[in-house]
Amino acid sequence: MRFNVRVSGPLSAFVAGNVGEDGLYENVSEYVRDLIRREGAGRPRRFPRRAAAAARMSRYQLSPAAKGQIAEIYAYTHATWGRAQADRY
């Protein structure tokens, strides 16, 4: 099976950062195959300890400044990579 996918802007830069001399993968095809394998294997996308850490942190109150920073990060992630990615993190 053959796929032809176009990505541009931030997505292209993100993929480029994961392949080649500085990345974990030799080429884009290897990167995409690994993503598909991980998705097919049903591996969790989040680190397992993240949920436990979030549960511990839920008892603390964030300052208005921290809430504002989180909102900015969410808005940037949403605008750059989409809602699913922003909601994931």
N, C-alpha and C. Protein backbone atom coordinates (compact mmCIF):
# COMPACT_ATOMS: atom_id res chain seq x y z
N MET A 1 0.85 -1.17 0.00
CA MET A 1 0.00 0.00 0.00
C MET A 1 0.90 1.23 0.00
N ARG A 2 0.48 2.24 -0.71
CA ARG A 2 1.27 3.46 -0.81
C ARG A 2 0.41 4.65 -0.42
N PHE A 3 0.98 5.56 0.36
CA PHE A 3 0.28 6.77 0.79
C PHE A 3 1.07 7.99 0.34
N ASN A 4 0.37 9.04 0.08
CA ASN A 4 0.99 10.32 -0.23
C ASN A 4 0.31 11.36 0.65
N VAL A 5 1.03 11.86 1.62
CA VAL A 5 0.45 12.80 2.58
C VAL A 5 1.25 14.09 2.54
N ARG A 6 0.56 15.21 2.49
CA ARG A 6 1.20 16.52 2.54
C ARG A 6 1.00 17.15 3.90
N VAL A 7 2.08 17.62 4.46
CA VAL A 7 2.01 18.41 5.69
C VAL A 7 2.83 19.67 5.46
N SER A 8 2.43 20.73 6.12
CA SER A 8 3.16 21.98 5.95
C SER A 8 3.24 22.71 7.28
N GLY A 9 4.02 23.74 7.28
CA GLY A 9 4.14 24.58 8.47
C GLY A 9 4.64 23.83 9.68
N PRO A 10 3.98 24.01 10.83
CA PRO A 10 4.44 23.40 12.07
C PRO A 10 4.46 21.88 12.02
N LEU A 11 3.51 21.27 11.32
CA LEU A 11 3.51 19.81 11.23
C LEU A 11 4.74 19.32 10.48
N SER A 12 5.09 20.00 9.41
CA SER A 12 6.27 19.63 8.64
C SER A 12 7.53 19.77 9.49
N ALA A 13 7.62 20.85 10.23
CA ALA A 13 8.78 21.07 11.10
C ALA A 13 8.85 20.00 12.18
N PHE A 14 7.69 19.62 12.72
CA PHE A 14 7.65 18.58 13.75
C PHE A 14 8.14 17.25 13.20
N VAL A 15 7.66 16.87 12.03
CA VAL A 15 8.09 15.62 11.41
C VAL A 15 9.58 15.68 11.10
N ALA A 16 10.03 16.79 10.54
CA ALA A 16 11.44 16.94 10.19
C ALA A 16 12.33 16.81 11.43
N GLY A 17 11.85 17.24 12.57
CA GLY A 17 12.61 17.13 13.80
C GLY A 17 12.73 15.70 14.32
N ASN A 18 11.87 14.82 13.82
CA ASN A 18 11.89 13.42 14.26
C ASN A 18 12.59 12.49 13.29
N VAL A 19 13.02 13.00 12.14
CA VAL A 19 13.71 12.16 11.15
C VAL A 19 15.05 12.77 10.78
N GLY A 20 15.90 11.98 10.18
CA GLY A 20 17.20 12.47 9.74
C GLY A 20 18.26 12.34 10.81
N GLU A 21 19.31 13.08 10.65
CA GLU A 21 20.46 12.99 11.56
C GLU A 21 20.11 13.31 13.01
N ASP A 22 19.21 14.29 13.20
CA ASP A 22 18.88 14.71 14.56
C ASP A 22 17.69 13.98 15.16
N GLY A 23 16.99 13.19 14.36
CA GLY A 23 15.78 12.53 14.83
C GLY A 23 15.99 11.08 15.22
N LEU A 24 14.90 10.47 15.63
CA LEU A 24 14.94 9.06 16.03
C LEU A 24 14.78 8.11 14.84
N TYR A 25 14.33 8.62 13.71
CA TYR A 25 14.04 7.79 12.55
C TYR A 25 14.90 8.22 11.37
N GLU A 26 15.23 7.25 10.52
CA GLU A 26 16.04 7.55 9.34
C GLU A 26 15.28 8.35 8.30
N ASN A 27 13.99 8.02 8.15
CA ASN A 27 13.19 8.71 7.14
C ASN A 27 11.74 8.79 7.59
N VAL A 28 10.96 9.53 6.84
CA VAL A 28 9.56 9.77 7.19
C VAL A 28 8.77 8.47 7.17
N SER A 29 9.06 7.59 6.23
CA SER A 29 8.33 6.32 6.15
C SER A 29 8.48 5.50 7.43
N GLU A 30 9.69 5.43 7.97
CA GLU A 30 9.91 4.70 9.22
C GLU A 30 9.11 5.33 10.35
N TYR A 31 9.10 6.64 10.39
CA TYR A 31 8.38 7.36 11.43
C TYR A 31 6.88 7.05 11.36
N VAL A 32 6.32 7.13 10.18
CA VAL A 32 4.88 6.88 10.01
C VAL A 32 4.56 5.43 10.33
N ARG A 33 5.38 4.50 9.88
CA ARG A 33 5.14 3.08 10.19
C ARG A 33 5.13 2.84 11.70
N ASP A 34 6.07 3.47 12.42
CA ASP A 34 6.10 3.31 13.87
C ASP A 34 4.85 3.90 14.52
N LEU A 35 4.41 5.05 14.04
CA LEU A 35 3.18 5.64 14.57
C LEU A 35 1.99 4.71 14.38
N ILE A 36 1.89 4.12 13.19
CA ILE A 36 0.79 3.20 12.91
C ILE A 36 0.88 1.96 13.78
N ARG A 37 2.08 1.42 13.93
CA ARG A 37 2.26 0.24 14.79
C ARG A 37 1.85 0.53 16.23
N ARG A 38 2.28 1.66 16.74
CA ARG A 38 1.93 2.01 18.12
C ARG A 38 0.43 2.20 18.27
N GLU A 39 -0.20 2.84 17.31
CA GLU A 39 -1.65 3.03 17.35
C GLU A 39 -2.36 1.68 17.27
N GLY A 40 -1.89 0.81 16.40
CA GLY A 40 -2.49 -0.51 16.24
C GLY A 40 -2.29 -1.40 17.44
N ALA A 41 -1.20 -1.22 18.13
CA ALA A 41 -0.92 -2.04 19.31
C ALA A 41 -1.72 -1.59 20.52
N GLY A 42 -2.37 -0.45 20.38
CA GLY A 42 -3.19 0.05 21.48
C GLY A 42 -2.39 0.58 22.65
N ARG A 43 -1.14 0.91 22.41
CA ARG A 43 -0.33 1.47 23.49
C ARG A 43 -0.88 2.82 23.89
N PRO A 44 -0.87 3.11 25.15
CA PRO A 44 -1.37 4.42 25.58
C PRO A 44 -0.49 5.54 25.03
N ARG A 45 -1.11 6.61 24.68
CA ARG A 45 -0.37 7.75 24.14
C ARG A 45 0.27 8.58 25.25
N ARG A 46 -0.29 8.51 26.40
CA ARG A 46 0.23 9.29 27.51
C ARG A 46 1.14 8.42 28.36
N PHE A 47 1.99 9.06 29.08
CA PHE A 47 2.81 8.32 30.02
C PHE A 47 1.92 7.84 31.15
N PRO A 48 2.07 6.58 31.59
CA PRO A 48 1.18 6.05 32.62
C PRO A 48 1.23 6.83 33.92
N ARG A 49 2.35 7.42 34.23
CA ARG A 49 2.47 8.14 35.49
C ARG A 49 1.80 9.51 35.45
N ARG A 50 1.49 9.98 34.25
CA ARG A 50 0.91 11.31 34.11
C ARG A 50 -0.45 11.40 34.82
N ALA A 51 -1.28 10.35 34.69
CA ALA A 51 -2.60 10.36 35.34
C ALA A 51 -2.45 10.39 36.86
N ALA A 52 -1.50 9.62 37.38
CA ALA A 52 -1.27 9.61 38.82
C ALA A 52 -0.78 10.96 39.30
N ALA A 53 0.10 11.57 38.53
CA ALA A 53 0.61 12.90 38.90
C ALA A 53 -0.52 13.92 38.86
N ALA A 54 -1.38 13.82 37.86
CA ALA A 54 -2.51 14.75 37.76
C ALA A 54 -3.45 14.60 38.95
N ALA A 55 -3.65 13.37 39.38
CA ALA A 55 -4.52 13.13 40.54
C ALA A 55 -3.92 13.76 41.80
N ARG A 56 -2.61 13.64 41.96
CA ARG A 56 -1.96 14.26 43.12
C ARG A 56 -2.03 15.78 43.05
N MET A 57 -1.89 16.31 41.85
CA MET A 57 -1.87 17.76 41.68
C MET A 57 -3.26 18.38 41.79
N SER A 58 -4.30 17.59 41.66
CA SER A 58 -5.66 18.14 41.66
C SER A 58 -6.03 18.80 42.98
N ARG A 59 -5.33 18.46 44.04
CA ARG A 59 -5.66 19.07 45.33
C ARG A 59 -5.07 20.47 45.49
N TYR A 60 -4.21 20.87 44.57
CA TYR A 60 -3.59 22.19 44.64
C TYR A 60 -4.36 23.18 43.75
N GLN A 61 -4.38 24.42 44.16
CA GLN A 61 -5.04 25.46 43.39
C GLN A 61 -4.00 26.20 42.55
N LEU A 62 -4.31 26.43 41.30
CA LEU A 62 -3.41 27.19 40.43
C LEU A 62 -3.66 28.68 40.60
N SER A 63 -2.59 29.44 40.51
CA SER A 63 -2.73 30.89 40.58
C SER A 63 -3.37 31.38 39.27
N PRO A 64 -3.96 32.57 39.28
CA PRO A 64 -4.52 33.11 38.05
C PRO A 64 -3.47 33.22 36.94
N ALA A 65 -2.23 33.54 37.31
CA ALA A 65 -1.17 33.65 36.29
C ALA A 65 -0.89 32.29 35.67
N ALA A 66 -0.84 31.24 36.48
CA ALA A 66 -0.59 29.89 35.97
C ALA A 66 -1.74 29.45 35.08
N LYS A 67 -2.97 29.74 35.48
CA LYS A 67 -4.13 29.39 34.66
C LYS A 67 -4.06 30.11 33.32
N GLY A 68 -3.62 31.36 33.33
CA GLY A 68 -3.47 32.12 32.09
C GLY A 68 -2.41 31.51 31.18
N GLN A 69 -1.30 31.07 31.77
CA GLN A 69 -0.24 30.44 30.98
C GLN A 69 -0.72 29.13 30.37
N ILE A 70 -1.47 28.35 31.15
CA ILE A 70 -2.00 27.09 30.63
C ILE A 70 -2.98 27.37 29.49
N ALA A 71 -3.80 28.39 29.64
CA ALA A 71 -4.74 28.75 28.58
C ALA A 71 -3.99 29.17 27.31
N GLU A 72 -2.89 29.90 27.46
CA GLU A 72 -2.08 30.29 26.30
C GLU A 72 -1.47 29.08 25.61
N ILE A 73 -0.95 28.15 26.40
CA ILE A 73 -0.35 26.94 25.83
C ILE A 73 -1.41 26.13 25.10
N TYR A 74 -2.60 26.00 25.71
CA TYR A 74 -3.68 25.26 25.07
C TYR A 74 -4.07 25.93 23.75
N ALA A 75 -4.22 27.25 23.76
CA ALA A 75 -4.62 27.97 22.55
C ALA A 75 -3.58 27.80 21.45
N TYR A 76 -2.31 27.88 21.80
CA TYR A 76 -1.25 27.70 20.81
C TYR A 76 -1.27 26.29 20.24
N THR A 77 -1.37 25.30 21.12
CA THR A 77 -1.39 23.90 20.68
C THR A 77 -2.61 23.65 19.80
N HIS A 78 -3.75 24.18 20.20
CA HIS A 78 -4.97 24.01 19.41
C HIS A 78 -4.83 24.64 18.04
N ALA A 79 -4.28 25.84 17.98
CA ALA A 79 -4.12 26.53 16.69
C ALA A 79 -3.08 25.86 15.81
N THR A 80 -2.05 25.31 16.42
CA THR A 80 -0.94 24.73 15.66
C THR A 80 -1.21 23.29 15.24
N TRP A 81 -1.68 22.46 16.19
CA TRP A 81 -1.82 21.03 15.91
C TRP A 81 -3.25 20.51 15.99
N GLY A 82 -4.20 21.37 16.37
CA GLY A 82 -5.59 20.93 16.40
C GLY A 82 -6.09 20.60 17.79
N ARG A 83 -7.42 20.50 17.86
CA ARG A 83 -8.07 20.29 19.15
C ARG A 83 -7.68 18.96 19.80
N ALA A 84 -7.64 17.89 19.00
CA ALA A 84 -7.33 16.58 19.59
C ALA A 84 -5.98 16.60 20.30
N GLN A 85 -4.99 17.22 19.67
CA GLN A 85 -3.66 17.29 20.29
C GLN A 85 -3.70 18.17 21.53
N ALA A 86 -4.40 19.29 21.46
CA ALA A 86 -4.48 20.20 22.60
C ALA A 86 -5.19 19.52 23.78
N ASP A 87 -6.27 18.79 23.49
CA ASP A 87 -6.99 18.09 24.57
C ASP A 87 -6.18 16.96 25.16
N ARG A 88 -5.33 16.36 24.34
CA ARG A 88 -4.52 15.23 24.81
C ARG A 88 -3.53 15.69 25.87
N TYR A 89 -3.00 16.89 25.72
CA TYR A 89 -1.99 17.36 26.65
C TYR A 89 -2.48 18.52 27.44
